[in-house]
N, C-alpha and C. Protein backbone atom coordinates (compact mmCIF):
# COMPACT_ATOMS: atom_id res chain seq x y z
N MET A 1 0.84 -1.17 0.00
CA MET A 1 0.00 0.00 0.00
C MET A 1 0.89 1.25 0.00
N LYS A 2 0.56 2.18 -0.83
CA LYS A 2 1.34 3.42 -0.95
C LYS A 2 1.13 4.30 0.29
N LYS A 3 2.13 5.11 0.56
CA LYS A 3 2.13 6.01 1.71
C LYS A 3 0.87 6.87 1.76
N LYS A 4 0.51 7.46 0.64
CA LYS A 4 -0.65 8.34 0.57
C LYS A 4 -1.93 7.57 0.93
N GLU A 5 -2.04 6.37 0.42
CA GLU A 5 -3.23 5.55 0.67
C GLU A 5 -3.33 5.14 2.14
N ILE A 6 -2.23 4.69 2.71
CA ILE A 6 -2.28 4.26 4.11
C ILE A 6 -2.52 5.45 5.04
N LEU A 7 -1.91 6.59 4.75
CA LEU A 7 -2.16 7.78 5.57
C LEU A 7 -3.63 8.19 5.51
N THR A 8 -4.21 8.16 4.33
CA THR A 8 -5.61 8.52 4.16
C THR A 8 -6.51 7.58 4.97
N LYS A 9 -6.21 6.29 4.91
CA LYS A 9 -7.00 5.31 5.66
C LYS A 9 -6.82 5.48 7.16
N LEU A 10 -5.59 5.70 7.58
CA LEU A 10 -5.33 5.88 9.02
C LEU A 10 -5.99 7.16 9.55
N ILE A 11 -5.92 8.23 8.80
CA ILE A 11 -6.55 9.49 9.21
C ILE A 11 -8.06 9.26 9.37
N ARG A 12 -8.65 8.58 8.43
CA ARG A 12 -10.08 8.30 8.49
C ARG A 12 -10.41 7.47 9.74
N LYS A 13 -9.63 6.43 9.99
CA LYS A 13 -9.84 5.54 11.15
C LYS A 13 -9.71 6.32 12.45
N TYR A 14 -8.61 7.06 12.60
CA TYR A 14 -8.38 7.83 13.82
C TYR A 14 -9.45 8.90 14.03
N THR A 15 -9.90 9.52 12.96
CA THR A 15 -10.93 10.55 13.06
C THR A 15 -12.25 9.95 13.55
N LEU A 16 -12.61 8.79 13.03
CA LEU A 16 -13.84 8.12 13.48
C LEU A 16 -13.74 7.73 14.95
N VAL A 17 -12.60 7.21 15.35
CA VAL A 17 -12.38 6.82 16.75
C VAL A 17 -12.44 8.06 17.65
N LEU A 18 -11.81 9.13 17.23
CA LEU A 18 -11.82 10.37 18.01
C LEU A 18 -13.25 10.88 18.20
N ARG A 19 -14.03 10.89 17.14
CA ARG A 19 -15.43 11.33 17.23
C ARG A 19 -16.22 10.48 18.22
N GLU A 20 -16.02 9.17 18.13
CA GLU A 20 -16.73 8.26 19.02
C GLU A 20 -16.33 8.48 20.48
N ILE A 21 -15.05 8.63 20.72
CA ILE A 21 -14.55 8.83 22.08
C ILE A 21 -15.06 10.13 22.69
N LYS A 22 -15.15 11.17 21.89
CA LYS A 22 -15.61 12.46 22.41
C LYS A 22 -17.03 12.37 22.96
N ASN A 23 -17.80 11.40 22.50
CA ASN A 23 -19.19 11.25 22.94
C ASN A 23 -19.37 10.24 24.07
N VAL A 24 -18.28 9.71 24.59
CA VAL A 24 -18.34 8.67 25.63
C VAL A 24 -17.90 9.26 26.96
N ARG A 25 -18.60 8.89 28.01
CA ARG A 25 -18.25 9.40 29.34
C ARG A 25 -17.60 8.34 30.21
N ILE A 26 -17.84 7.08 29.92
CA ILE A 26 -17.30 6.00 30.75
C ILE A 26 -15.89 5.69 30.28
N TYR A 27 -14.95 5.88 31.20
CA TYR A 27 -13.52 5.75 30.87
C TYR A 27 -13.17 4.38 30.31
N ARG A 28 -13.69 3.32 30.89
CA ARG A 28 -13.41 1.96 30.39
C ARG A 28 -13.90 1.78 28.96
N LYS A 29 -15.00 2.41 28.63
CA LYS A 29 -15.55 2.33 27.27
C LYS A 29 -14.61 3.00 26.27
N ILE A 30 -13.95 4.06 26.68
CA ILE A 30 -12.99 4.75 25.82
C ILE A 30 -11.85 3.81 25.45
N TYR A 31 -11.30 3.12 26.45
CA TYR A 31 -10.22 2.18 26.18
C TYR A 31 -10.68 1.02 25.31
N GLN A 32 -11.93 0.62 25.48
CA GLN A 32 -12.48 -0.47 24.66
C GLN A 32 -12.57 -0.02 23.19
N ILE A 33 -13.00 1.19 22.97
CA ILE A 33 -13.09 1.74 21.61
C ILE A 33 -11.70 1.80 20.99
N LEU A 34 -10.73 2.30 21.74
CA LEU A 34 -9.35 2.38 21.24
C LEU A 34 -8.83 0.99 20.87
N SER A 35 -9.03 0.05 21.77
CA SER A 35 -8.55 -1.30 21.56
C SER A 35 -9.26 -1.99 20.40
N ASP A 36 -10.57 -1.87 20.33
CA ASP A 36 -11.35 -2.50 19.25
C ASP A 36 -10.94 -2.00 17.88
N ASN A 37 -10.46 -0.76 17.83
CA ASN A 37 -10.06 -0.14 16.56
C ASN A 37 -8.55 -0.14 16.35
N ASN A 38 -7.82 -0.79 17.25
CA ASN A 38 -6.36 -0.88 17.17
C ASN A 38 -5.69 0.49 17.14
N CYS A 39 -6.26 1.43 17.87
CA CYS A 39 -5.70 2.78 17.95
C CYS A 39 -5.20 3.08 19.36
N HIS A 40 -4.97 2.07 20.14
CA HIS A 40 -4.57 2.24 21.54
C HIS A 40 -3.07 2.42 21.70
N VAL A 41 -2.30 2.06 20.70
CA VAL A 41 -0.85 2.26 20.78
C VAL A 41 -0.44 3.24 19.69
N GLY A 42 0.31 2.80 18.69
CA GLY A 42 0.79 3.72 17.67
C GLY A 42 0.21 3.45 16.29
N ILE A 43 0.61 4.27 15.33
CA ILE A 43 0.07 4.13 13.99
C ILE A 43 0.56 2.85 13.31
N CYS A 44 1.70 2.35 13.72
CA CYS A 44 2.21 1.10 13.13
C CYS A 44 1.29 -0.06 13.45
N CYS A 45 0.88 -0.13 14.69
CA CYS A 45 -0.06 -1.16 15.12
C CYS A 45 -1.40 -0.99 14.42
N ALA A 46 -1.86 0.23 14.34
CA ALA A 46 -3.14 0.51 13.67
C ALA A 46 -3.09 0.10 12.20
N ALA A 47 -1.99 0.40 11.53
CA ALA A 47 -1.84 0.03 10.12
C ALA A 47 -1.77 -1.48 9.95
N GLU A 48 -1.02 -2.13 10.83
CA GLU A 48 -0.86 -3.58 10.73
C GLU A 48 -2.19 -4.31 10.95
N TYR A 49 -2.87 -3.99 12.04
CA TYR A 49 -4.08 -4.74 12.39
C TYR A 49 -5.33 -4.31 11.65
N ASN A 50 -5.39 -3.07 11.19
CA ASN A 50 -6.57 -2.61 10.44
C ASN A 50 -6.43 -2.79 8.94
N PHE A 51 -5.18 -2.67 8.42
CA PHE A 51 -5.00 -2.65 6.97
C PHE A 51 -3.91 -3.60 6.47
N SER A 52 -3.41 -4.46 7.35
CA SER A 52 -2.36 -5.43 6.99
C SER A 52 -1.17 -4.77 6.30
N THR A 53 -0.77 -3.64 6.81
CA THR A 53 0.35 -2.88 6.25
C THR A 53 1.42 -2.68 7.32
N TRP A 54 2.66 -2.95 6.96
CA TRP A 54 3.79 -2.87 7.89
C TRP A 54 4.46 -1.50 7.78
N LEU A 55 4.43 -0.73 8.87
CA LEU A 55 5.03 0.61 8.88
C LEU A 55 6.22 0.72 9.83
N TYR A 56 6.49 -0.31 10.60
CA TYR A 56 7.48 -0.24 11.66
C TYR A 56 8.86 0.24 11.20
N SER A 57 9.27 -0.10 10.01
CA SER A 57 10.62 0.26 9.57
C SER A 57 10.65 1.42 8.56
N LYS A 58 9.52 2.06 8.35
CA LYS A 58 9.47 3.17 7.39
C LYS A 58 10.17 4.40 7.96
N VAL A 59 11.02 5.01 7.16
CA VAL A 59 11.79 6.19 7.58
C VAL A 59 10.86 7.32 8.00
N TRP A 60 9.82 7.58 7.24
CA TRP A 60 8.92 8.69 7.54
C TRP A 60 8.18 8.48 8.86
N VAL A 61 8.01 7.24 9.29
CA VAL A 61 7.39 6.95 10.58
C VAL A 61 8.41 7.12 11.69
N ASN A 62 9.56 6.52 11.53
CA ASN A 62 10.60 6.55 12.56
C ASN A 62 11.10 7.96 12.85
N LYS A 63 11.09 8.80 11.85
CA LYS A 63 11.55 10.18 11.98
C LYS A 63 10.74 10.98 13.01
N GLU A 64 9.51 10.59 13.22
CA GLU A 64 8.60 11.32 14.11
C GLU A 64 8.50 10.73 15.51
N LYS A 65 9.20 9.65 15.79
CA LYS A 65 9.07 8.96 17.08
C LYS A 65 9.66 9.77 18.23
N ASP A 66 9.19 9.48 19.44
CA ASP A 66 9.63 10.17 20.64
C ASP A 66 11.07 9.81 21.03
N GLU A 67 11.52 10.34 22.16
CA GLU A 67 12.90 10.14 22.61
C GLU A 67 13.25 8.66 22.80
N GLN A 68 12.29 7.87 23.21
CA GLN A 68 12.51 6.45 23.41
C GLN A 68 12.46 5.66 22.09
N GLY A 69 12.07 6.33 21.03
CA GLY A 69 11.99 5.70 19.72
C GLY A 69 10.83 4.73 19.59
N MET A 70 9.76 5.00 20.34
CA MET A 70 8.63 4.07 20.33
C MET A 70 7.40 4.62 19.60
N TYR A 71 6.96 5.82 19.97
CA TYR A 71 5.68 6.32 19.47
C TYR A 71 5.78 7.77 19.02
N TRP A 72 4.73 8.18 18.33
CA TRP A 72 4.57 9.60 18.03
C TRP A 72 3.87 10.19 19.23
N TYR A 73 4.54 11.06 19.93
CA TYR A 73 3.94 11.71 21.09
C TYR A 73 3.63 10.65 22.14
N LYS A 74 2.79 10.95 23.07
CA LYS A 74 2.39 9.99 24.10
C LYS A 74 1.40 8.99 23.50
N CYS A 75 1.49 7.78 23.97
CA CYS A 75 0.63 6.71 23.47
C CYS A 75 -0.75 6.76 24.14
N PRO A 76 -1.85 6.59 23.41
CA PRO A 76 -3.17 6.67 24.03
C PRO A 76 -3.37 5.76 25.25
N PHE A 77 -2.83 4.54 25.22
CA PHE A 77 -3.04 3.66 26.37
C PHE A 77 -2.24 4.12 27.59
N GLN A 78 -1.30 5.02 27.43
CA GLN A 78 -0.52 5.55 28.53
C GLN A 78 -1.15 6.81 29.14
N ALA A 79 -2.17 7.34 28.48
CA ALA A 79 -2.82 8.56 28.94
C ALA A 79 -3.69 8.28 30.17
N ASP A 80 -3.77 9.25 31.04
CA ASP A 80 -4.52 9.09 32.28
C ASP A 80 -5.92 9.69 32.25
N THR A 81 -6.17 10.56 31.29
CA THR A 81 -7.47 11.22 31.24
C THR A 81 -8.02 11.18 29.81
N LYS A 82 -9.30 11.41 29.71
CA LYS A 82 -9.94 11.48 28.39
C LYS A 82 -9.32 12.60 27.57
N LYS A 83 -9.06 13.72 28.22
CA LYS A 83 -8.44 14.87 27.55
C LYS A 83 -7.09 14.48 26.94
N GLU A 84 -6.28 13.75 27.70
CA GLU A 84 -4.97 13.31 27.20
C GLU A 84 -5.11 12.33 26.03
N ILE A 85 -6.08 11.44 26.12
CA ILE A 85 -6.32 10.49 25.03
C ILE A 85 -6.68 11.25 23.76
N ILE A 86 -7.54 12.21 23.90
CA ILE A 86 -7.94 13.04 22.76
C ILE A 86 -6.73 13.77 22.18
N GLU A 87 -5.88 14.31 23.05
CA GLU A 87 -4.66 14.99 22.59
C GLU A 87 -3.77 14.03 21.80
N CYS A 88 -3.62 12.82 22.29
CA CYS A 88 -2.80 11.81 21.61
C CYS A 88 -3.34 11.52 20.21
N LEU A 89 -4.64 11.33 20.12
CA LEU A 89 -5.26 11.03 18.82
C LEU A 89 -5.17 12.22 17.88
N GLU A 90 -5.44 13.40 18.41
CA GLU A 90 -5.37 14.62 17.58
C GLU A 90 -3.95 14.85 17.08
N TYR A 91 -2.98 14.61 17.94
CA TYR A 91 -1.58 14.76 17.52
C TYR A 91 -1.29 13.85 16.33
N ARG A 92 -1.68 12.60 16.42
CA ARG A 92 -1.43 11.64 15.35
C ARG A 92 -2.15 12.04 14.05
N ILE A 93 -3.39 12.45 14.19
CA ILE A 93 -4.16 12.88 13.02
C ILE A 93 -3.48 14.08 12.36
N ASN A 94 -3.12 15.08 13.14
CA ASN A 94 -2.48 16.28 12.60
C ASN A 94 -1.13 15.97 11.96
N LYS A 95 -0.35 15.10 12.60
CA LYS A 95 0.95 14.72 12.06
C LYS A 95 0.78 13.97 10.73
N MET A 96 -0.20 13.07 10.67
CA MET A 96 -0.44 12.33 9.42
C MET A 96 -0.92 13.26 8.31
N LYS A 97 -1.75 14.23 8.65
CA LYS A 97 -2.21 15.21 7.64
C LYS A 97 -1.03 16.03 7.12
N GLU A 98 -0.14 16.40 8.03
CA GLU A 98 1.06 17.14 7.66
C GLU A 98 1.92 16.32 6.68
N ILE A 99 2.13 15.07 7.00
CA ILE A 99 2.93 14.18 6.15
C ILE A 99 2.23 13.93 4.82
N LEU A 100 0.92 13.78 4.87
CA LEU A 100 0.13 13.53 3.66
C LEU A 100 0.29 14.67 2.65
N LYS A 101 0.41 15.89 3.13
CA LYS A 101 0.59 17.05 2.24
C LYS A 101 1.86 16.92 1.40
N THR A 102 2.84 16.18 1.88
CA THR A 102 4.11 16.03 1.15
C THR A 102 4.08 14.87 0.16
N CYS A 103 3.00 14.08 0.19
CA CYS A 103 2.90 12.93 -0.72
C CYS A 103 2.51 13.38 -2.12
N LYS A 104 3.02 12.64 -3.09
CA LYS A 104 2.70 12.94 -4.50
C LYS A 104 1.51 12.14 -4.95
């Protein structure tokens, strides 16, 4: 799958998850939504389990990882509040949109 195609699909997936989470009040339900949609860790996991696409070794993905070299920004499952989870998802969506603009 081409970079542009996978980014488009991931943005769509994360946006749908974000919308759903914003309407949920029960914290456990939020984690269930993240997990059910494979958006609880990073975009590599989301791409692998949702679209059977391997992103772990892609330069454009690794370039954006945190100091530990694991994720883009804080990982949703590591967040302590709904607000933090939303920030994590929004960060990923915005970063993917930014990268998508550079695709041909």
